Amino acid sequence: MVIRSVLVRCPGAEWYDSEFAPHLGRLALVGFPYTMVTMFSLKGATIVELPFDVLRISLPLLPYFLIMFMVSFVMSMALGFSYEKNITVSFTAASNNFELAIALAIGVFGISSGQALAAVVGPLIEVPVLVGLVYVSLYLGRRFYGLSNASK
């Protein structure tokens, strides 16, 4: 937000949107995988050594993702959202900002903390659950929106 507000004032909003933002988006595509690889390389041994801790951390995450997705889907449908907007809202609500959580956990508690481990385990659960929810969303599109072109 700070970068945007400064650059919109100086070079202008059109320059920011057409020139700067696309490059920043590409950087974000590299930044997230870099963060994940770094964190898994630093905490991978702990994840393997403490499988029950990983399971204990994972247990509340699974229902969280499912509940957030379904509540958002039902609410969006009740509000009359199109399928495309409904799915966008539902996936946004179900996903988390684990990148931010990882950065905060490491910054506040340190890399070897249990909080950092919990932040790293999140994406291990989030990614497969969200992939599964893609198939659920396709089914829901056919069931409630009458979409025949949603993949089977």
C-alpha atoms as a PDB file:
ATOM      1  CA  MET A   1       0.000   0.000   0.000  1.00  0.00           C
ATOM      2  CA  VAL A   2       2.838   2.385   0.806  1.00  0.00           C
ATOM      3  CA  ILE A   3       4.593   1.673  -2.485  1.00  0.00           C
ATOM      4  CA  ARG A   4       1.349   2.120  -4.411  1.00  0.00           C
ATOM      5  CA  SER A   5       0.424   5.400  -2.720  1.00  0.00           C
ATOM      6  CA  VAL A   6       3.892   6.876  -3.309  1.00  0.00           C
ATOM      7  CA  LEU A   7       4.195   5.708  -6.913  1.00  0.00           C
ATOM      8  CA  VAL A   8       0.647   6.718  -7.841  1.00  0.00           C
ATOM      9  CA  ARG A   9       1.392  10.251  -6.649  1.00  0.00           C
ATOM     10  CA  CYS A  10       4.787  10.642  -8.329  1.00  0.00           C
ATOM     11  CA  PRO A  11       4.835   8.891 -11.728  1.00  0.00           C
ATOM     12  CA  GLY A  12       1.052   8.482 -11.847  1.00  0.00           C
ATOM     13  CA  ALA A  13      -1.629   5.824 -11.565  1.00  0.00           C
ATOM     14  CA  GLU A  14      -1.498   4.902 -15.246  1.00  0.00           C
ATOM     15  CA  TRP A  15       2.265   4.252 -15.095  1.00  0.00           C
ATOM     16  CA  TYR A  16       1.858   2.257 -11.888  1.00  0.00           C
ATOM     17  CA  ASP A  17      -0.892   0.049 -13.338  1.00  0.00           C
ATOM     18  CA  SER A  18       0.645  -0.460 -16.785  1.00  0.00           C
ATOM     19  CA  GLU A  19       4.387  -0.557 -16.062  1.00  0.00           C
ATOM     20  CA  PHE A  20       5.198  -1.221 -12.416  1.00  0.00           C
ATOM     21  CA  ALA A  21       2.418  -3.545 -11.177  1.00  0.00           C
ATOM     22  CA  PRO A  22       2.976  -6.271 -13.810  1.00  0.00           C
ATOM     23  CA  HIS A  23       6.665  -6.505 -12.846  1.00  0.00           C
ATOM     24  CA  LEU A  24       5.785  -6.599  -9.159  1.00  0.00           C
ATOM     25  CA  GLY A  25       3.339  -9.425  -9.867  1.00  0.00           C
ATOM     26  CA  ARG A  26       6.096 -11.471 -11.489  1.00  0.00           C
ATOM     27  CA  LEU A  27       8.284 -10.916  -8.450  1.00  0.00           C
ATOM     28  CA  ALA A  28       5.497 -12.226  -6.202  1.00  0.00           C
ATOM     29  CA  LEU A  29       5.305 -15.382  -8.323  1.00  0.00           C
ATOM     30  CA  VAL A  30       8.961 -16.021  -7.501  1.00  0.00           C
ATOM     31  CA  GLY A  31       8.791 -14.831  -3.887  1.00  0.00           C
ATOM     32  CA  PHE A  32       6.195 -17.299  -2.640  1.00  0.00           C
ATOM     33  CA  PRO A  33       7.874 -20.470  -3.955  1.00  0.00           C
ATOM     34  CA  TYR A  34      11.224 -19.155  -2.684  1.00  0.00           C
ATOM     35  CA  THR A  35       9.728 -18.666   0.779  1.00  0.00           C
ATOM     36  CA  MET A  36       8.192 -22.145   0.756  1.00  0.00           C
ATOM     37  CA  VAL A  37      11.384 -23.869  -0.403  1.00  0.00           C
ATOM     38  CA  THR A  38      13.421 -22.004   2.198  1.00  0.00           C
ATOM     39  CA  MET A  39      11.012 -22.799   5.016  1.00  0.00           C
ATOM     40  CA  PHE A  40      10.645 -26.456   4.109  1.00  0.00           C
ATOM     41  CA  SER A  41      14.401 -26.835   3.826  1.00  0.00           C
ATOM     42  CA  LEU A  42      14.821 -25.308   7.283  1.00  0.00           C
ATOM     43  CA  LYS A  43      11.889 -27.101   8.960  1.00  0.00           C
ATOM     44  CA  GLY A  44      11.699 -30.281   6.859  1.00  0.00           C
ATOM     45  CA  ALA A  45      13.621 -32.384   9.373  1.00  0.00           C
ATOM     46  CA  THR A  46      11.351 -31.223  12.186  1.00  0.00           C
ATOM     47  CA  ILE A  47       8.271 -32.107  10.148  1.00  0.00           C
ATOM     48  CA  VAL A  48       9.615 -35.632   9.585  1.00  0.00           C
ATOM     49  CA  GLU A  49      10.807 -36.051  13.190  1.00  0.00           C
ATOM     50  CA  LEU A  50       7.547 -34.873  14.772  1.00  0.00           C
ATOM     51  CA  PRO A  51       4.741 -36.390  12.685  1.00  0.00           C
ATOM     52  CA  PHE A  52       2.248 -36.336  15.560  1.00  0.00           C
ATOM     53  CA  ASP A  53       2.857 -32.634  16.147  1.00  0.00           C
ATOM     54  CA  VAL A  54       2.249 -32.045  12.448  1.00  0.00           C
ATOM     55  CA  LEU A  55      -0.954 -34.082  12.671  1.00  0.00           C
ATOM     56  CA  ARG A  56      -2.059 -32.143  15.765  1.00  0.00           C
ATOM     57  CA  ILE A  57      -1.434 -28.843  13.966  1.00  0.00           C
ATOM     58  CA  SER A  58      -3.238 -30.118  10.859  1.00  0.00           C
ATOM     59  CA  LEU A  59      -6.423 -31.327  12.521  1.00  0.00           C
ATOM     60  CA  PRO A  60      -8.062 -27.917  13.055  1.00  0.00           C
ATOM     61  CA  LEU A  61      -6.936 -26.651   9.645  1.00  0.00           C
ATOM     62  CA  LEU A  62      -8.871 -29.195   7.593  1.00  0.00           C
ATOM     63  CA  PRO A  63     -12.312 -28.300   8.973  1.00  0.00           C
ATOM     64  CA  TYR A  64     -11.385 -24.608   8.882  1.00  0.00           C
ATOM     65  CA  PHE A  65     -10.775 -24.673   5.117  1.00  0.00           C
ATOM     66  CA  LEU A  66     -13.894 -26.738   4.435  1.00  0.00           C
ATOM     67  CA  ILE A  67     -16.176 -24.641   6.651  1.00  0.00           C
ATOM     68  CA  MET A  68     -14.894 -21.327   5.290  1.00  0.00           C
ATOM     69  CA  PHE A  69     -15.359 -22.507   1.711  1.00  0.00           C
ATOM     70  CA  MET A  70     -18.863 -23.884   2.225  1.00  0.00           C
ATOM     71  CA  VAL A  71     -20.133 -20.963   4.337  1.00  0.00           C
ATOM     72  CA  SER A  72     -18.794 -18.508   1.752  1.00  0.00           C
ATOM     73  CA  PHE A  73     -20.306 -20.515  -1.096  1.00  0.00           C
ATOM     74  CA  VAL A  74     -23.751 -20.660   0.531  1.00  0.00           C
ATOM     75  CA  MET A  75     -23.689 -16.966   1.477  1.00  0.00           C
ATOM     76  CA  SER A  76     -22.560 -15.929  -2.002  1.00  0.00           C
ATOM     77  CA  MET A  77     -25.277 -18.043  -3.564  1.00  0.00           C
ATOM     78  CA  ALA A  78     -27.870 -16.512  -1.223  1.00  0.00           C
ATOM     79  CA  LEU A  79     -26.676 -13.045  -2.244  1.00  0.00           C
ATOM     80  CA  GLY A  80     -27.184 -13.931  -5.899  1.00  0.00           C
ATOM     81  CA  PHE A  81     -23.544 -13.959  -6.977  1.00  0.00           C
ATOM     82  CA  SER A  82     -22.674 -15.494 -10.305  1.00  0.00           C
ATOM     83  CA  TYR A  83     -20.761 -18.773 -10.204  1.00  0.00           C
ATOM     84  CA  GLU A  84     -17.512 -17.026 -11.132  1.00  0.00           C
ATOM     85  CA  LYS A  85     -17.820 -14.447  -8.346  1.00  0.00           C
ATOM     86  CA  ASN A  86     -19.027 -17.057  -5.879  1.00  0.00           C
ATOM     87  CA  ILE A  87     -16.016 -19.282  -6.463  1.00  0.00           C
ATOM     88  CA  THR A  88     -13.669 -16.304  -6.236  1.00  0.00           C
ATOM     89  CA  VAL A  89     -15.128 -15.294  -2.871  1.00  0.00           C
ATOM     90  CA  SER A  90     -15.200 -18.873  -1.589  1.00  0.00           C
ATOM     91  CA  PHE A  91     -11.584 -19.647  -2.445  1.00  0.00           C
ATOM     92  CA  THR A  92     -10.421 -16.298  -1.096  1.00  0.00           C
ATOM     93  CA  ALA A  93     -12.210 -16.950   2.190  1.00  0.00           C
ATOM     94  CA  ALA A  94     -10.898 -20.506   2.451  1.00  0.00           C
ATOM     95  CA  SER A  95      -7.287 -19.680   1.700  1.00  0.00           C
ATOM     96  CA  ASN A  96      -4.957 -18.097   4.216  1.00  0.00           C
ATOM     97  CA  ASN A  97      -2.057 -15.699   4.192  1.00  0.00           C
ATOM     98  CA  PHE A  98       0.460 -18.287   5.325  1.00  0.00           C
ATOM     99  CA  GLU A  99       3.290 -16.267   3.792  1.00  0.00           C
ATOM    100  CA  LEU A 100       2.541 -13.455   6.222  1.00  0.00           C
ATOM    101  CA  ALA A 101       2.058 -15.910   9.084  1.00  0.00           C
ATOM    102  CA  ILE A 102       5.442 -17.496   8.363  1.00  0.00           C
ATOM    103  CA  ALA A 103       7.192 -14.129   8.261  1.00  0.00           C
ATOM    104  CA  LEU A 104       5.569 -13.012  11.517  1.00  0.00           C
ATOM    105  CA  ALA A 105       6.214 -16.309  13.306  1.00  0.00           C
ATOM    106  CA  ILE A 106       9.895 -16.250  12.391  1.00  0.00           C
ATOM    107  CA  GLY A 107      10.280 -12.560  13.133  1.00  0.00           C
ATOM    108  CA  VAL A 108       8.606 -12.722  16.532  1.00  0.00           C
ATOM    109  CA  PHE A 109       9.376 -16.239  17.786  1.00  0.00           C
ATOM    110  CA  GLY A 110      12.435 -17.322  15.767  1.00  0.00           C
ATOM    111  CA  ILE A 111      13.020 -20.000  13.156  1.00  0.00           C
ATOM    112  CA  SER A 112      13.276 -22.872  15.654  1.00  0.00           C
ATOM    113  CA  SER A 113       9.997 -22.084  17.429  1.00  0.00           C
ATOM    114  CA  GLY A 114       6.857 -24.174  17.471  1.00  0.00           C
ATOM    115  CA  GLN A 115       5.006 -21.215  16.010  1.00  0.00           C
ATOM    116  CA  ALA A 116       7.249 -21.299  12.933  1.00  0.00           C
ATOM    117  CA  LEU A 117       6.571 -25.024  12.589  1.00  0.00           C
ATOM    118  CA  ALA A 118       2.822 -24.407  12.767  1.00  0.00           C
ATOM    119  CA  ALA A 119       3.093 -21.703  10.101  1.00  0.00           C
ATOM    120  CA  VAL A 120       5.046 -24.041   7.811  1.00  0.00           C
ATOM    121  CA  VAL A 121       2.589 -26.919   8.253  1.00  0.00           C
ATOM    122  CA  GLY A 122      -0.294 -24.702   7.102  1.00  0.00           C
ATOM    123  CA  PRO A 123       0.559 -24.769   3.384  1.00  0.00           C
ATOM    124  CA  LEU A 124       1.155 -28.529   3.588  1.00  0.00           C
ATOM    125  CA  ILE A 125      -2.521 -28.877   4.422  1.00  0.00           C
ATOM    126  CA  GLU A 126      -3.902 -25.871   2.551  1.00  0.00           C
ATOM    127  CA  VAL A 127      -2.666 -26.741  -0.937  1.00  0.00           C
ATOM    128  CA  PRO A 128      -4.112 -30.282  -1.185  1.00  0.00           C
ATOM    129  CA  VAL A 129      -7.376 -29.199   0.441  1.00  0.00           C
ATOM    130  CA  LEU A 130      -7.785 -26.302  -2.005  1.00  0.00           C
ATOM    131  CA  VAL A 131      -7.031 -28.615  -4.929  1.00  0.00           C
ATOM    132  CA  GLY A 132      -9.775 -30.912  -3.647  1.00  0.00           C
ATOM    133  CA  LEU A 133     -12.103 -27.932  -3.320  1.00  0.00           C
ATOM    134  CA  VAL A 134     -11.569 -27.196  -7.022  1.00  0.00           C
ATOM    135  CA  TYR A 135     -13.357 -30.464  -7.786  1.00  0.00           C
ATOM    136  CA  VAL A 136     -16.044 -29.639  -5.223  1.00  0.00           C
ATOM    137  CA  SER A 137     -16.547 -26.236  -6.855  1.00  0.00           C
ATOM    138  CA  LEU A 138     -16.947 -27.832 -10.277  1.00  0.00           C
ATOM    139  CA  TYR A 139     -19.585 -30.180  -8.874  1.00  0.00           C
ATOM    140  CA  LEU A 140     -21.360 -27.309  -7.111  1.00  0.00           C
ATOM    141  CA  GLY A 141     -21.330 -25.327 -10.355  1.00  0.00           C
ATOM    142  CA  ARG A 142     -23.113 -28.146 -12.157  1.00  0.00           C
ATOM    143  CA  ARG A 143     -25.486 -28.834  -9.247  1.00  0.00           C
ATOM    144  CA  PHE A 144     -26.563 -25.323  -8.264  1.00  0.00           C
ATOM    145  CA  TYR A 145     -25.754 -23.154 -11.266  1.00  0.00           C
ATOM    146  CA  GLY A 146     -26.669 -25.571 -14.038  1.00  0.00           C
ATOM    147  CA  LEU A 147     -23.266 -25.288 -15.650  1.00  0.00           C
ATOM    148  CA  SER A 148     -22.734 -28.001 -18.191  1.00  0.00           C
ATOM    149  CA  ASN A 149     -19.310 -26.749 -19.225  1.00  0.00           C
ATOM    150  CA  ALA A 150     -17.834 -27.225 -15.729  1.00  0.00           C
ATOM    151  CA  SER A 151     -15.372 -30.098 -16.013  1.00  0.00           C
ATOM    152  CA  LYS A 152     -16.629 -33.478 -14.906  1.00  0.00           C
END
